Amino acid sequence: MMKIALICLAAWATLCPGASLTQGQNDLARRILASTLATDYSLASKQADTLSASKRDAGSFFRNMILLSRFDDLGDTLDLLRSQAFLDTVKIGDPFWENLRLFQLGYVKTELKQTVSGVLTTRKAAKGFATMGTLEARAFYAIYDYYMQGTTAWVPFKTDNRPRLLQTLDSAAKGNNFFWPLFATSLAWMHFDRKDYAAGLRITEFALVQYPRHPVYTQMKADMLFRLGRTKEAIGIYESSVATYAKRAPNSVRWWSGAGNLLRMYSVMGDSVQVKKWKQCFSGPRFQKVRPWMPPSLMKALENQNLLP
């Protein structure tokens, strides 16, 4: 679930010592983030190139953030390959930005099924963040630590520190920093993992207040609503999302995830006509090309409900 839709502002020098930006660089970084969240990846890339010319470490992070955000939105796996090639070769001097490079690289490797290498790379980044006392560094470490603690949560008498980690991420997601989308996304999925869908909904709605038309947060909101029993609302959101992706990226993972969720939701509603309509989509060869990239939890749910042809 360590999905990441990847993304310090006015108080940067205080928040991240050693990685300070000038006011002009701050303003430019803010524009890059805004362009990315508005899904204008071309403009964001040009702005990131400009930032790289004066602040290579920060510019490198944002350039890669754009690639990963575009992948999460449009599902173009070439963005992952470009990202890995860039992260494997770029030279970063500042420790904070270097840890971010490793953090991004760990995610990319995991998405490319290089699981062991991805985990080791992410752990190296987490160890680096653990030596830093800023809220942002603690939040990045919390993402790693949350999932590591999940692997031992079953051990008797072991203290579960994950609620404390969620508090750290909540503070960081709502703070004045460049990374709030990453923290918000991670936090929402952690609440989802804990079946606290109301908390997950609050986080996604917080993100949508900032960027109401963001396509990924929109789908996340529908996922939370469905788990809360508000299926009709979730269907309405997914119908609109699928129609949008049919124009923007018709064979993307986001389109297919939308179709799969609609199939699942209409089944719950007992709408046999809509079930038949959406089930037919999954019978052709187009889906088989995308299937390896589909969310495992969604595929498992569809298979358990015998909804796949």
Protein backbone atom coordinates (compact mmCIF):
# COMPACT_ATOMS: atom_id res chain seq x y z
CA MET A 1 0.00 0.00 0.00
CA MET A 2 2.97 2.23 0.12
CA LYS A 3 1.52 4.03 -2.66
CA ILE A 4 2.78 7.19 -3.20
CA ALA A 5 1.33 10.01 -5.36
CA LEU A 6 5.09 11.83 -4.67
CA ILE A 7 5.51 15.52 -4.07
CA CYS A 8 9.40 23.18 2.45
CA LEU A 9 7.90 26.37 1.83
CA ALA A 10 8.31 29.71 3.77
CA ALA A 11 9.99 28.25 6.85
CA TRP A 12 12.26 25.86 4.92
CA ALA A 13 15.50 26.88 6.60
CA THR A 14 13.98 26.11 10.00
CA LEU A 15 12.27 22.89 8.90
CA CYS A 16 15.15 21.40 6.96
CA PRO A 17 18.55 22.68 8.08
CA GLY A 18 21.22 22.38 5.44
CA ALA A 19 18.70 22.31 2.60
CA SER A 20 17.62 25.95 2.62
CA LEU A 21 16.21 27.57 -0.48
CA THR A 22 16.14 31.22 -1.38
CA GLN A 23 12.79 32.98 -1.50
CA GLY A 24 12.83 32.78 -5.28
CA GLN A 25 13.57 29.07 -5.19
CA ASN A 26 10.80 28.60 -2.62
CA ASP A 27 8.33 30.35 -4.90
CA LEU A 28 9.40 28.28 -7.87
CA ALA A 29 9.16 25.02 -5.91
CA ARG A 30 5.65 26.04 -4.86
CA ARG A 31 4.71 26.56 -8.50
CA ILE A 32 6.15 23.16 -9.43
CA LEU A 33 4.02 21.49 -6.79
CA ALA A 34 0.92 23.38 -7.93
CA SER A 35 1.51 22.48 -11.58
CA THR A 36 2.02 18.82 -10.70
CA LEU A 37 -1.14 18.63 -8.62
CA ALA A 38 -2.99 20.35 -11.45
CA THR A 39 -1.68 17.50 -13.67
CA ASP A 40 0.15 19.96 -15.94
CA TYR A 41 3.25 17.78 -16.04
CA SER A 42 4.80 19.53 -19.03
CA LEU A 43 4.80 22.91 -17.29
CA ALA A 44 5.97 21.34 -14.03
CA SER A 45 8.92 19.71 -15.83
CA LYS A 46 10.01 23.03 -17.36
CA GLN A 47 9.77 24.69 -13.94
CA ALA A 48 11.80 21.86 -12.36
CA ASP A 49 14.52 22.30 -15.00
CA THR A 50 14.70 25.98 -14.06
CA LEU A 51 15.03 25.10 -10.37
CA SER A 52 17.73 22.52 -11.16
CA ALA A 53 19.84 25.23 -12.78
CA SER A 54 20.17 27.06 -9.44
CA LYS A 55 19.55 24.28 -6.90
CA ARG A 56 20.37 20.90 -8.37
CA ASP A 57 19.47 18.80 -5.31
CA ALA A 58 15.98 20.26 -4.97
CA GLY A 59 15.45 20.36 -8.73
CA SER A 60 16.36 16.70 -9.02
CA PHE A 61 13.81 15.75 -6.39
CA PHE A 62 11.05 17.69 -8.10
CA ARG A 63 11.90 16.37 -11.55
CA ASN A 64 11.54 12.84 -10.26
CA MET A 65 8.44 13.70 -8.25
CA ILE A 66 6.79 14.77 -11.51
CA LEU A 67 7.63 11.47 -13.17
CA LEU A 68 6.22 9.47 -10.27
CA SER A 69 3.12 11.62 -10.02
CA ARG A 70 2.50 11.19 -13.72
CA PHE A 71 2.91 7.42 -13.38
CA ASP A 72 0.48 7.31 -10.47
CA ASP A 73 -2.02 9.31 -12.50
CA LEU A 74 -1.65 8.05 -16.07
CA GLY A 75 -0.02 4.67 -15.46
CA ASP A 76 2.75 5.01 -18.05
CA THR A 77 5.35 2.46 -16.91
CA LEU A 78 8.00 4.23 -19.02
CA ASP A 79 7.89 6.94 -16.35
CA LEU A 80 9.07 4.36 -13.82
CA LEU A 81 11.95 3.29 -16.03
CA ARG A 82 12.94 6.93 -16.66
CA SER A 83 12.72 7.56 -12.94
CA GLN A 84 14.98 4.65 -12.05
CA ALA A 85 17.54 5.62 -14.69
CA PHE A 86 17.57 9.21 -13.38
CA LEU A 87 17.78 8.24 -9.70
CA ASP A 88 20.55 5.72 -10.32
CA THR A 89 22.78 8.35 -11.94
CA VAL A 90 21.97 11.73 -10.36
CA LYS A 91 24.52 13.01 -7.82
CA ILE A 92 23.08 14.59 -4.65
CA GLY A 93 25.26 16.36 -2.11
CA ASP A 94 22.92 17.43 0.68
CA PRO A 95 22.05 14.58 3.12
CA PHE A 96 18.35 15.45 3.30
CA TRP A 97 17.90 15.44 -0.47
CA GLU A 98 20.04 12.31 -0.78
CA ASN A 99 17.73 10.49 1.61
CA LEU A 100 14.82 11.65 -0.52
CA ARG A 101 16.54 10.25 -3.62
CA LEU A 102 16.90 6.88 -1.90
CA PHE A 103 13.30 7.04 -0.67
CA GLN A 104 12.04 7.64 -4.20
CA LEU A 105 14.33 4.97 -5.63
CA GLY A 106 13.09 2.41 -3.10
CA TYR A 107 9.52 3.09 -4.21
CA VAL A 108 10.40 2.80 -7.89
CA LYS A 109 12.21 -0.49 -7.39
CA THR A 110 9.25 -1.89 -5.48
CA GLU A 111 6.84 -0.88 -8.25
CA LEU A 112 9.14 -2.56 -10.80
CA LYS A 113 8.97 -5.78 -8.77
CA GLN A 114 12.58 -5.41 -7.55
CA THR A 115 11.22 -6.02 -4.08
CA VAL A 116 14.29 -6.97 -2.02
CA SER A 117 16.42 -4.17 -3.47
CA GLY A 118 13.51 -1.76 -2.99
CA VAL A 119 13.12 -2.62 0.67
CA LEU A 120 16.86 -2.31 1.33
CA THR A 121 17.04 1.04 -0.45
CA THR A 122 14.05 2.38 1.48
CA ARG A 123 15.59 1.16 4.75
CA LYS A 124 18.80 3.04 3.96
CA ALA A 125 16.79 6.20 3.38
CA ALA A 126 14.85 5.66 6.61
CA LYS A 127 18.04 5.25 8.62
CA GLY A 128 19.27 8.55 7.21
CA PHE A 129 16.02 10.31 8.13
CA ALA A 130 16.18 8.80 11.64
CA THR A 131 19.26 10.91 12.41
CA MET A 132 17.42 14.16 11.57
CA GLY A 133 15.12 15.88 14.01
CA THR A 134 12.83 17.84 11.68
CA LEU A 135 9.14 17.05 11.38
CA GLU A 136 9.54 16.20 7.69
CA ALA A 137 12.39 13.76 8.37
CA ARG A 138 10.41 12.13 11.19
CA ALA A 139 7.40 11.82 8.89
CA PHE A 140 9.40 10.10 6.15
CA TYR A 141 10.78 7.73 8.76
CA ALA A 142 7.25 7.13 10.06
CA ILE A 143 6.13 5.88 6.64
CA TYR A 144 8.85 3.24 6.71
CA ASP A 145 8.42 2.38 10.39
CA TYR A 146 4.65 1.99 10.11
CA TYR A 147 4.90 -0.83 7.62
CA MET A 148 7.85 -2.45 9.39
CA GLN A 149 5.90 -2.49 12.67
CA GLY A 150 2.99 -4.02 10.82
CA THR A 151 5.06 -7.12 10.13
CA THR A 152 5.46 -7.75 13.89
CA ALA A 153 2.09 -6.48 15.14
CA TRP A 154 0.99 -10.06 15.83
CA VAL A 155 3.77 -10.65 18.41
CA PRO A 156 2.22 -10.91 21.93
CA PHE A 157 2.96 -8.12 24.40
CA LYS A 158 4.74 -6.05 21.77
CA THR A 159 3.91 -2.34 21.97
CA ASP A 160 2.17 -1.02 18.88
CA ASN A 161 3.63 2.43 18.15
CA ARG A 162 1.73 2.91 14.91
CA PRO A 163 -0.84 5.34 16.37
CA ARG A 164 2.05 7.65 17.32
CA LEU A 165 3.43 7.36 13.79
CA LEU A 166 0.03 8.30 12.38
CA GLN A 167 0.03 11.43 14.56
CA THR A 168 3.44 12.42 13.19
CA LEU A 169 2.22 12.00 9.62
CA ASP A 170 -0.98 13.91 10.34
CA SER A 171 1.01 16.87 11.65
CA ALA A 172 3.33 16.77 8.64
CA ALA A 173 0.48 16.41 6.13
CA LYS A 174 -1.19 19.53 7.48
CA GLY A 175 2.02 21.48 7.97
CA ASN A 176 3.70 24.15 5.87
CA ASN A 177 5.94 21.99 3.68
CA PHE A 178 6.44 20.78 0.10
CA PHE A 179 5.74 17.18 0.96
CA TRP A 180 2.18 17.32 2.32
CA PRO A 181 0.69 15.37 -0.63
CA LEU A 182 3.04 12.46 -0.05
CA PHE A 183 2.29 12.44 3.67
CA ALA A 184 -1.45 12.81 3.10
CA THR A 185 -1.54 9.96 0.61
CA SER A 186 0.45 7.64 2.86
CA LEU A 187 -1.68 8.59 5.87
CA ALA A 188 -4.94 7.95 4.05
CA TRP A 189 -3.86 4.48 2.98
CA MET A 190 -2.64 3.69 6.49
CA HIS A 191 -6.07 4.55 7.87
CA PHE A 192 -7.52 2.38 5.11
CA ASP A 193 -5.21 -0.44 6.18
CA ARG A 194 -6.52 -0.08 9.76
CA LYS A 195 -10.12 -0.03 8.48
CA ASP A 196 -10.56 3.50 9.83
CA TYR A 197 -12.26 4.65 6.65
CA ALA A 198 -13.77 7.77 8.23
CA ALA A 199 -10.27 9.02 9.07
CA GLY A 200 -9.09 8.12 5.57
CA LEU A 201 -12.01 10.07 4.11
CA ARG A 202 -11.12 13.14 6.18
CA ILE A 203 -7.57 13.08 4.81
CA THR A 204 -8.63 12.70 1.18
CA GLU A 205 -11.19 15.49 1.57
CA PHE A 206 -8.48 17.69 3.13
CA ALA A 207 -6.35 17.09 0.00
CA LEU A 208 -9.30 17.75 -2.31
CA VAL A 209 -9.95 21.09 -0.63
CA GLN A 210 -6.50 22.10 -1.87
CA TYR A 211 -6.97 20.61 -5.34
CA PRO A 212 -10.65 19.69 -5.91
CA ARG A 213 -10.14 18.12 -9.34
CA HIS A 214 -7.14 15.94 -8.49
CA PRO A 215 -7.89 12.57 -10.18
CA VAL A 216 -6.04 10.29 -7.76
CA TYR A 217 -7.48 11.82 -4.58
CA THR A 218 -10.90 11.68 -6.22
CA GLN A 219 -10.64 7.91 -6.66
CA MET A 220 -9.30 7.56 -3.13
CA LYS A 221 -12.36 9.39 -1.81
CA ALA A 222 -14.62 6.93 -3.60
CA ASP A 223 -12.71 4.01 -2.08
CA MET A 224 -13.30 5.38 1.41
CA LEU A 225 -16.99 6.09 0.74
CA PHE A 226 -17.55 2.55 -0.51
CA ARG A 227 -16.08 1.06 2.66
CA LEU A 228 -18.32 3.36 4.70
CA GLY A 229 -21.39 1.94 2.96
CA ARG A 230 -22.00 5.05 0.87
CA THR A 231 -21.94 3.01 -2.32
CA LYS A 232 -24.14 5.24 -4.50
CA GLU A 233 -21.88 8.21 -3.84
CA ALA A 234 -18.81 6.12 -4.61
CA ILE A 235 -20.35 4.89 -7.88
CA GLY A 236 -21.10 8.45 -8.95
CA ILE A 237 -17.48 9.47 -8.37
CA TYR A 238 -16.08 6.44 -10.17
CA GLU A 239 -18.43 6.86 -13.15
CA SER A 240 -17.14 10.42 -13.56
CA SER A 241 -13.53 9.31 -13.03
CA VAL A 242 -13.75 6.54 -15.62
CA ALA A 243 -15.27 8.95 -18.15
CA THR A 244 -12.40 11.38 -17.54
CA TYR A 245 -9.70 8.72 -17.87
CA ALA A 246 -11.37 7.39 -21.03
CA LYS A 247 -10.32 10.71 -22.60
CA ARG A 248 -6.98 11.23 -20.81
CA ALA A 249 -5.59 7.67 -20.58
CA PRO A 250 -8.10 5.06 -21.80
CA ASN A 251 -5.97 1.98 -21.15
CA SER A 252 -4.33 3.15 -17.94
CA VAL A 253 -4.34 1.38 -14.60
CA ARG A 254 -6.53 4.20 -13.28
CA TRP A 255 -9.18 3.53 -15.93
CA TRP A 256 -9.12 -0.20 -15.30
CA SER A 257 -9.16 0.30 -11.52
CA GLY A 258 -12.19 2.51 -11.96
CA ALA A 259 -13.88 -0.11 -14.12
CA GLY A 260 -13.07 -2.85 -11.60
CA ASN A 261 -14.39 -0.83 -8.71
CA LEU A 262 -17.60 -0.06 -10.60
CA LEU A 263 -18.02 -3.76 -11.35
CA ARG A 264 -17.56 -4.56 -7.67
CA MET A 265 -19.87 -1.81 -6.47
CA TYR A 266 -22.67 -2.56 -8.91
CA SER A 267 -22.45 -6.19 -7.79
CA VAL A 268 -22.96 -5.11 -4.19
CA MET A 269 -25.95 -3.04 -5.34
CA GLY A 270 -27.39 -6.03 -7.18
CA ASP A 271 -27.48 -4.21 -10.52
CA SER A 272 -27.11 -7.12 -12.96
CA VAL A 273 -27.28 -4.90 -16.06
CA GLN A 274 -24.32 -2.80 -14.98
CA VAL A 275 -22.44 -5.87 -13.73
CA LYS A 276 -22.75 -7.45 -17.18
CA LYS A 277 -21.65 -4.21 -18.87
CA TRP A 278 -18.49 -3.77 -16.82
CA LYS A 279 -17.65 -7.47 -16.65
CA GLN A 280 -17.44 -7.60 -20.45
CA CYS A 281 -14.61 -5.07 -20.34
CA PHE A 282 -12.37 -7.59 -18.64
CA SER A 283 -12.81 -10.40 -21.19
CA GLY A 284 -10.55 -9.03 -23.94
CA PRO A 285 -6.75 -8.93 -24.44
CA ARG A 286 -6.47 -5.22 -23.50
CA PHE A 287 -6.94 -6.04 -19.83
CA GLN A 288 -4.36 -8.82 -19.79
CA LYS A 289 -1.62 -6.31 -20.68
CA VAL A 290 -2.53 -4.15 -17.70
CA ARG A 291 -3.38 -6.89 -15.22
CA PRO A 292 0.15 -7.23 -13.68
CA TRP A 293 -0.04 -3.55 -12.65
CA MET A 294 -3.51 -3.70 -11.11
CA PRO A 295 -3.98 -3.19 -7.34
CA PRO A 296 -3.72 -6.69 -5.78
CA SER A 297 -6.48 -5.97 -3.26
CA LEU A 298 -8.94 -5.06 -6.03
CA MET A 299 -8.06 -8.11 -8.09
CA LYS A 300 -8.47 -10.37 -5.08
CA ALA A 301 -11.88 -8.87 -4.32
CA LEU A 302 -13.06 -9.35 -7.93
CA GLU A 303 -11.82 -12.92 -7.98
CA ASN A 304 -13.41 -13.75 -4.63
CA GLN A 305 -16.74 -12.43 -5.94
CA ASN A 306 -16.36 -14.37 -9.20
CA LEU A 307 -16.65 -11.13 -11.15
CA LEU A 308 -13.85 -11.73 -13.62
CA PRO A 309 -14.54 -13.65 -16.86
